[in-house]
Amino acid sequence: MSSKSESGKSNQDRANHRSRALSLPRWAKIALYALMTVLAIPFLFPTWWMVTASLSPANDIYSQSPKLFPTHPLWSDYKQVFELQPFAHQYVNSLYIAVLVTAGTMAVSALSGYAFARIRFPGADALFFVVLTGMLVPAEVTIVPLFRMVQSLGLINTHWPLIIIPIFGAPSVLGTFVMRQFFLALPAELEEAGRLDGLGRFGLFRSIALPLARPALAAVAIFTFLRTWDSYLEPLVYLSAKDKFTLPLALTQYTDAYGGNIWNIQLAATTLTVLPVLAVFIIAQRQFVAGLAQTGLKG
């Protein structure tokens, strides 16, 4: 209990120190916010233009002077998104694949990261180095042997390779690294107190380490969800039926009779695909920033 109270006091002292360091004069705060607003414009404008263009007539998209607001908002493009493709079905495909991959990656990363950080066994550092090398291998290098393996198992044109391979692939390697860094910083006194209460190794992980690892888990969840949601190469290789497509593949199917892109429909569909990503980030942004800070990945 004393270690917890000392740790809490130390965190409060650091928070007070940061608060005093950020206590700027009023004019400096106004200048800082104005500068941050100007710097944010290049990042916000493409998204804003995407939304406004999806509500504008097709001719306005090709205008040399992009409009910040649609003159007469058109919602018919959003209706055609669902009429030209089985978009709702493809939306569900992407959503459930991303959720399953994220949950599986969080579980694998938490267990492996805890093992590498808190359990000492011969060759642990060498094995961790070998695992880390998995992040250095581009997906394009392994896609052919993985395709042949999936084909031999009869899983082509199914969602299984899009779920199982990422859980034990590169996303879990990055997640393992993040979780290991977090568990290394966990005070050993917490586990010693748990041992005195009769907890075993798995009990220490489940009852003490895992509840404290929510910021790092949130960072892993956002990284994994974004990567899975935006994945294009793997679905392109493994899937061929439109009703099994994920959203990145679906967006390429909005073309006219000559193969040209129907930009207004594509922009409307793209706007709809951004919504879950924004929702995940808004819900977990505080834990995400805390996780990056505690695992040393910021900057």
Protein backbone atom coordinates (compact mmCIF):
# COMPACT_ATOMS: atom_id res chain seq x y z
CA MET A 1 0.00 0.00 0.00
CA SER A 2 2.86 2.33 0.84
CA SER A 3 4.44 1.76 -2.59
CA LYS A 4 1.11 2.52 -4.28
CA SER A 5 0.70 5.74 -2.28
CA GLU A 6 4.29 6.78 -3.04
CA SER A 7 3.77 6.01 -6.71
CA GLY A 8 0.53 8.02 -6.72
CA LYS A 9 2.26 10.94 -4.99
CA SER A 10 5.10 10.82 -7.52
CA ASN A 11 2.65 10.86 -10.42
CA GLN A 12 0.82 13.79 -8.85
CA ASP A 13 4.12 15.67 -8.45
CA ARG A 14 4.97 15.07 -12.09
CA ALA A 15 1.50 16.22 -13.14
CA ASN A 16 1.87 19.39 -11.05
CA HIS A 17 5.30 20.02 -12.59
CA ARG A 18 3.90 19.66 -16.10
CA SER A 19 0.98 21.91 -15.18
CA ARG A 20 3.36 24.63 -13.94
CA ALA A 21 5.49 24.24 -17.08
CA LEU A 22 2.39 24.78 -19.28
CA SER A 23 1.18 27.85 -17.37
CA LEU A 24 1.82 30.35 -20.17
CA PRO A 25 0.69 33.99 -20.36
CA ARG A 26 -2.67 34.59 -22.04
CA TRP A 27 -1.14 36.13 -25.17
CA ALA A 28 1.25 33.18 -25.53
CA LYS A 29 -1.62 30.70 -25.28
CA ILE A 30 -3.58 32.57 -27.97
CA ALA A 31 -0.52 32.63 -30.24
CA LEU A 32 0.13 28.94 -29.58
CA TYR A 33 -3.46 27.94 -30.39
CA ALA A 34 -3.43 30.11 -33.54
CA LEU A 35 -0.19 28.47 -34.71
CA MET A 36 -1.55 24.98 -34.01
CA THR A 37 -4.73 25.83 -35.95
CA VAL A 38 -2.74 26.98 -38.99
CA LEU A 39 -0.50 23.89 -38.85
CA ALA A 40 -3.56 21.61 -38.67
CA ILE A 41 -5.10 22.98 -41.89
CA PRO A 42 -2.99 20.82 -44.32
CA PHE A 43 -4.09 17.70 -42.42
CA LEU A 44 -7.76 18.64 -42.08
CA PHE A 45 -8.40 20.10 -45.54
CA PRO A 46 -8.25 16.79 -47.53
CA THR A 47 -10.80 15.19 -45.21
CA TRP A 48 -13.03 18.28 -45.30
CA TRP A 49 -12.83 18.38 -49.12
CA MET A 50 -13.66 14.67 -49.31
CA VAL A 51 -16.86 15.18 -47.30
CA THR A 52 -17.97 18.33 -49.15
CA ALA A 53 -17.15 16.80 -52.56
CA SER A 54 -19.23 13.73 -51.71
CA LEU A 55 -22.21 16.07 -51.27
CA SER A 56 -21.55 18.08 -54.43
CA PRO A 57 -22.44 17.46 -58.11
CA ALA A 58 -19.80 15.56 -60.08
CA ASN A 59 -18.89 18.68 -62.09
CA ASP A 60 -17.87 20.55 -58.92
CA ILE A 61 -15.26 17.89 -58.11
CA TYR A 62 -13.30 18.89 -61.22
CA SER A 63 -13.54 22.60 -60.43
CA GLN A 64 -10.16 24.36 -60.30
CA SER A 65 -11.21 26.28 -57.18
CA PRO A 66 -12.44 23.71 -54.62
CA LYS A 67 -15.50 24.80 -52.65
CA LEU A 68 -15.41 24.70 -48.86
CA PHE A 69 -19.18 24.18 -48.62
CA PRO A 70 -21.54 22.43 -51.11
CA THR A 71 -23.98 24.86 -52.68
CA HIS A 72 -26.84 22.36 -52.79
CA PRO A 73 -25.97 19.21 -50.76
CA LEU A 74 -26.83 16.01 -52.63
CA TRP A 75 -27.47 12.83 -50.63
CA SER A 76 -28.26 10.71 -53.69
CA ASP A 77 -24.60 9.68 -54.03
CA TYR A 78 -24.74 8.01 -50.62
CA LYS A 79 -27.82 6.08 -51.76
CA GLN A 80 -26.03 4.90 -54.90
CA VAL A 81 -23.12 3.62 -52.79
CA PHE A 82 -25.42 0.86 -51.54
CA GLU A 83 -27.18 0.35 -54.91
CA LEU A 84 -24.07 -0.25 -57.06
CA GLN A 85 -22.31 -2.62 -54.64
CA PRO A 86 -23.27 -4.89 -51.70
CA PHE A 87 -21.70 -2.15 -49.61
CA ALA A 88 -23.51 -2.96 -46.36
CA HIS A 89 -22.33 -6.57 -46.56
CA GLN A 90 -18.78 -5.47 -47.35
CA TYR A 91 -18.95 -3.00 -44.46
CA VAL A 92 -19.86 -5.82 -42.07
CA ASN A 93 -17.01 -7.93 -43.49
CA SER A 94 -14.44 -5.24 -42.76
CA LEU A 95 -15.89 -4.49 -39.34
CA TYR A 96 -15.98 -8.01 -37.97
CA ILE A 97 -12.56 -8.90 -39.44
CA ALA A 98 -11.00 -5.78 -37.89
CA VAL A 99 -12.63 -6.47 -34.50
CA LEU A 100 -11.53 -10.13 -34.42
CA VAL A 101 -7.96 -9.32 -35.53
CA THR A 102 -7.73 -6.51 -32.98
CA ALA A 103 -9.02 -8.67 -30.12
CA GLY A 104 -6.75 -11.58 -31.08
CA THR A 105 -3.70 -9.35 -31.48
CA MET A 106 -4.32 -7.72 -28.09
CA ALA A 107 -4.51 -11.14 -26.42
CA VAL A 108 -1.38 -12.52 -28.12
CA SER A 109 0.58 -9.28 -27.60
CA ALA A 110 -0.33 -9.01 -23.93
CA LEU A 111 0.65 -12.60 -23.17
CA SER A 112 3.88 -12.58 -25.17
CA GLY A 113 4.88 -9.10 -24.02
CA TYR A 114 4.34 -10.09 -20.38
CA ALA A 115 6.35 -13.28 -20.87
CA PHE A 116 9.31 -11.46 -22.42
CA ALA A 117 9.24 -8.71 -19.77
CA ARG A 118 8.52 -10.55 -16.51
CA ILE A 119 9.54 -14.20 -16.98
CA ARG A 120 13.23 -14.94 -17.18
CA PHE A 121 14.15 -18.03 -19.20
CA PRO A 122 17.27 -19.03 -21.15
CA GLY A 123 17.55 -17.31 -24.52
CA ALA A 124 14.75 -14.82 -23.82
CA ASP A 125 16.60 -11.83 -25.26
CA ALA A 126 17.77 -13.76 -28.33
CA LEU A 127 14.26 -15.08 -28.95
CA PHE A 128 12.81 -11.59 -28.59
CA PHE A 129 15.35 -10.31 -31.14
CA VAL A 130 14.26 -13.04 -33.57
CA VAL A 131 10.62 -12.06 -33.05
CA LEU A 132 11.42 -8.40 -33.71
CA THR A 133 12.97 -9.25 -37.06
CA GLY A 134 9.46 -10.15 -38.18
CA MET A 135 8.74 -6.41 -38.40
CA LEU A 136 11.59 -5.98 -40.89
CA VAL A 137 10.14 -8.38 -43.48
CA PRO A 138 7.80 -6.60 -45.96
CA ALA A 139 4.40 -8.20 -46.52
CA GLU A 140 5.11 -8.35 -50.27
CA VAL A 141 7.95 -10.81 -49.63
CA THR A 142 5.84 -13.38 -47.79
CA ILE A 143 2.57 -13.01 -49.69
CA VAL A 144 3.36 -15.71 -52.31
CA PRO A 145 4.37 -18.53 -49.90
CA LEU A 146 1.44 -17.58 -47.66
CA PHE A 147 -0.93 -17.73 -50.64
CA ARG A 148 0.32 -21.21 -51.57
CA MET A 149 -0.10 -22.37 -47.97
CA VAL A 150 -3.63 -20.95 -47.76
CA GLN A 151 -4.46 -22.48 -51.14
CA SER A 152 -3.27 -25.92 -49.98
CA LEU A 153 -5.58 -25.63 -46.98
CA GLY A 154 -8.56 -24.75 -49.21
CA LEU A 155 -9.10 -21.35 -47.56
CA ILE A 156 -8.92 -19.16 -50.67
CA ASN A 157 -11.90 -16.79 -51.00
CA THR A 158 -12.62 -17.05 -47.27
CA HIS A 159 -11.92 -14.61 -44.45
CA TRP A 160 -9.83 -17.06 -42.40
CA PRO A 161 -6.42 -15.98 -43.78
CA LEU A 162 -7.33 -12.33 -43.17
CA ILE A 163 -8.03 -13.14 -39.51
CA ILE A 164 -5.52 -15.82 -38.48
CA ILE A 165 -2.36 -14.63 -40.28
CA PRO A 166 -2.38 -11.05 -38.86
CA ILE A 167 -3.01 -12.27 -35.31
CA PHE A 168 0.26 -14.19 -35.39
CA GLY A 169 2.03 -11.91 -37.88
CA ALA A 170 3.52 -8.41 -38.03
CA PRO A 171 0.77 -6.61 -36.02
CA SER A 172 1.34 -8.95 -33.09
CA VAL A 173 5.10 -8.41 -33.29
CA LEU A 174 4.65 -4.65 -32.95
CA GLY A 175 2.07 -5.23 -30.21
CA THR A 176 4.46 -7.56 -28.38
CA PHE A 177 7.14 -4.89 -28.45
CA VAL A 178 4.74 -2.23 -27.09
CA MET A 179 3.44 -4.49 -24.32
CA ARG A 180 6.95 -5.65 -23.34
CA GLN A 181 8.11 -2.05 -22.97
CA PHE A 182 5.11 -1.31 -20.74
CA PHE A 183 5.52 -4.40 -18.53
CA LEU A 184 9.26 -3.70 -18.12
CA ALA A 185 8.35 -0.38 -16.48
CA LEU A 186 5.87 -2.02 -14.09
CA PRO A 187 7.19 -1.89 -10.49
CA ALA A 188 8.25 -5.33 -9.23
CA GLU A 189 6.78 -4.50 -5.80
CA LEU A 190 3.27 -4.85 -7.22
CA GLU A 191 3.89 -8.47 -8.19
CA GLU A 192 5.60 -9.21 -4.88
CA ALA A 193 2.50 -7.98 -3.06
CA GLY A 194 0.42 -10.27 -5.28
CA ARG A 195 2.60 -13.27 -4.48
CA LEU A 196 2.09 -12.62 -0.77
CA ASP A 197 -1.65 -12.83 -1.45
CA GLY A 198 -1.13 -16.28 -3.01
CA LEU A 199 -1.37 -15.39 -6.70
CA GLY A 200 0.44 -17.55 -9.24
CA ARG A 201 2.07 -16.35 -12.44
CA PHE A 202 -1.16 -16.25 -14.46
CA GLY A 203 -2.96 -14.66 -11.53
CA LEU A 204 -0.35 -11.90 -11.37
CA PHE A 205 -0.81 -11.30 -15.09
CA ARG A 206 -4.62 -11.31 -15.00
CA SER A 207 -5.22 -9.49 -11.70
CA ILE A 208 -2.33 -7.02 -11.51
CA ALA A 209 -0.43 -6.51 -14.76
CA LEU A 210 -3.27 -6.64 -17.30
CA PRO A 211 -5.60 -4.11 -15.58
CA LEU A 212 -2.71 -1.63 -15.39
CA ALA A 213 -1.86 -2.12 -19.07
CA ARG A 214 -5.01 -0.46 -20.48
CA PRO A 215 -3.11 2.50 -22.05
CA ALA A 216 -0.66 0.20 -23.84
CA LEU A 217 -3.49 -2.12 -24.91
CA ALA A 218 -5.39 0.87 -26.30
CA ALA A 219 -2.34 1.84 -28.37
CA VAL A 220 -2.07 -1.73 -29.69
CA ALA A 221 -5.81 -1.78 -30.44
CA ILE A 222 -5.71 1.43 -32.48
CA PHE A 223 -2.59 0.43 -34.40
CA THR A 224 -4.06 -2.98 -35.23
CA PHE A 225 -7.57 -1.75 -36.05
CA LEU A 226 -6.24 0.93 -38.43
CA ARG A 227 -3.90 -1.49 -40.17
CA THR A 228 -6.59 -4.15 -40.60
CA TRP A 229 -9.23 -1.64 -41.69
CA ASP A 230 -6.95 -0.21 -44.39
CA SER A 231 -5.49 -3.54 -45.52
CA TYR A 232 -5.66 -3.87 -49.31
CA LEU A 233 -2.98 -6.30 -50.54
CA GLU A 234 -4.05 -9.36 -48.54
CA PRO A 235 -7.80 -9.10 -49.39
CA LEU A 236 -6.86 -8.53 -53.04
CA VAL A 237 -4.83 -11.77 -53.06
CA TYR A 238 -7.16 -14.01 -51.05
CA LEU A 239 -10.65 -12.82 -52.09
CA SER A 240 -12.43 -12.95 -55.45
CA ALA A 241 -16.19 -12.81 -54.68
CA LYS A 242 -17.73 -9.36 -54.26
CA ASP A 243 -19.86 -10.43 -51.31
CA LYS A 244 -16.65 -11.33 -49.43
CA PHE A 245 -14.80 -8.12 -50.29
CA THR A 246 -13.62 -5.75 -47.59
CA LEU A 247 -14.03 -1.99 -47.96
CA PRO A 248 -10.63 -1.15 -49.55
CA LEU A 249 -11.48 -3.58 -52.37
CA ALA A 250 -15.07 -2.35 -52.59
CA LEU A 251 -13.92 1.24 -53.17
CA THR A 252 -12.18 0.18 -56.40
CA GLN A 253 -15.41 -1.24 -57.85
CA TYR A 254 -17.23 2.07 -58.37
CA THR A 255 -16.40 2.48 -62.05
CA ASP A 256 -18.41 3.35 -65.16
CA ALA A 257 -18.85 1.27 -68.33
CA TYR A 258 -15.44 2.40 -69.61
CA GLY A 259 -13.57 1.52 -66.40
CA GLY A 260 -13.29 5.14 -65.26
CA ASN A 261 -13.74 6.02 -61.62
CA ILE A 262 -17.07 7.48 -60.50
CA TRP A 263 -15.45 9.96 -58.15
CA ASN A 264 -18.54 11.35 -56.45
CA ILE A 265 -19.69 7.83 -55.51
CA GLN A 266 -16.21 6.81 -54.44
CA LEU A 267 -15.88 9.89 -52.23
CA ALA A 268 -19.25 9.17 -50.62
CA ALA A 269 -18.21 5.55 -49.96
CA THR A 270 -14.82 6.66 -48.64
CA THR A 271 -16.50 9.09 -46.25
CA LEU A 272 -18.57 6.23 -44.83
CA THR A 273 -15.46 4.07 -44.39
CA VAL A 274 -13.74 6.74 -42.28
CA LEU A 275 -16.47 6.81 -39.62
CA PRO A 276 -15.46 3.67 -37.63
CA VAL A 277 -11.82 4.77 -37.57
CA LEU A 278 -12.80 8.17 -36.18
CA ALA A 279 -15.06 6.52 -33.60
CA VAL A 280 -12.30 4.18 -32.39
CA PHE A 281 -9.78 7.00 -32.13
CA ILE A 282 -12.16 9.39 -30.33
CA ILE A 283 -13.11 6.71 -27.80
CA ALA A 284 -9.54 5.57 -27.11
CA GLN A 285 -7.48 8.71 -27.81
CA ARG A 286 -6.69 9.46 -24.15
CA GLN A 287 -5.55 5.88 -23.50
CA PHE A 288 -3.73 5.92 -26.86
CA VAL A 289 -1.62 8.99 -25.99
CA ALA A 290 -0.91 7.64 -22.50
CA GLY A 291 0.11 4.30 -23.98
CA LEU A 292 2.55 5.92 -26.41
CA ALA A 293 4.06 7.99 -23.61
CA GLN A 294 4.50 5.05 -21.24
CA THR A 295 5.98 2.72 -23.85
CA GLY A 296 8.46 5.29 -25.20
CA LEU A 297 7.08 5.30 -28.77
CA LYS A 298 6.17 8.99 -28.91
CA GLY A 299 8.29 11.26 -31.08
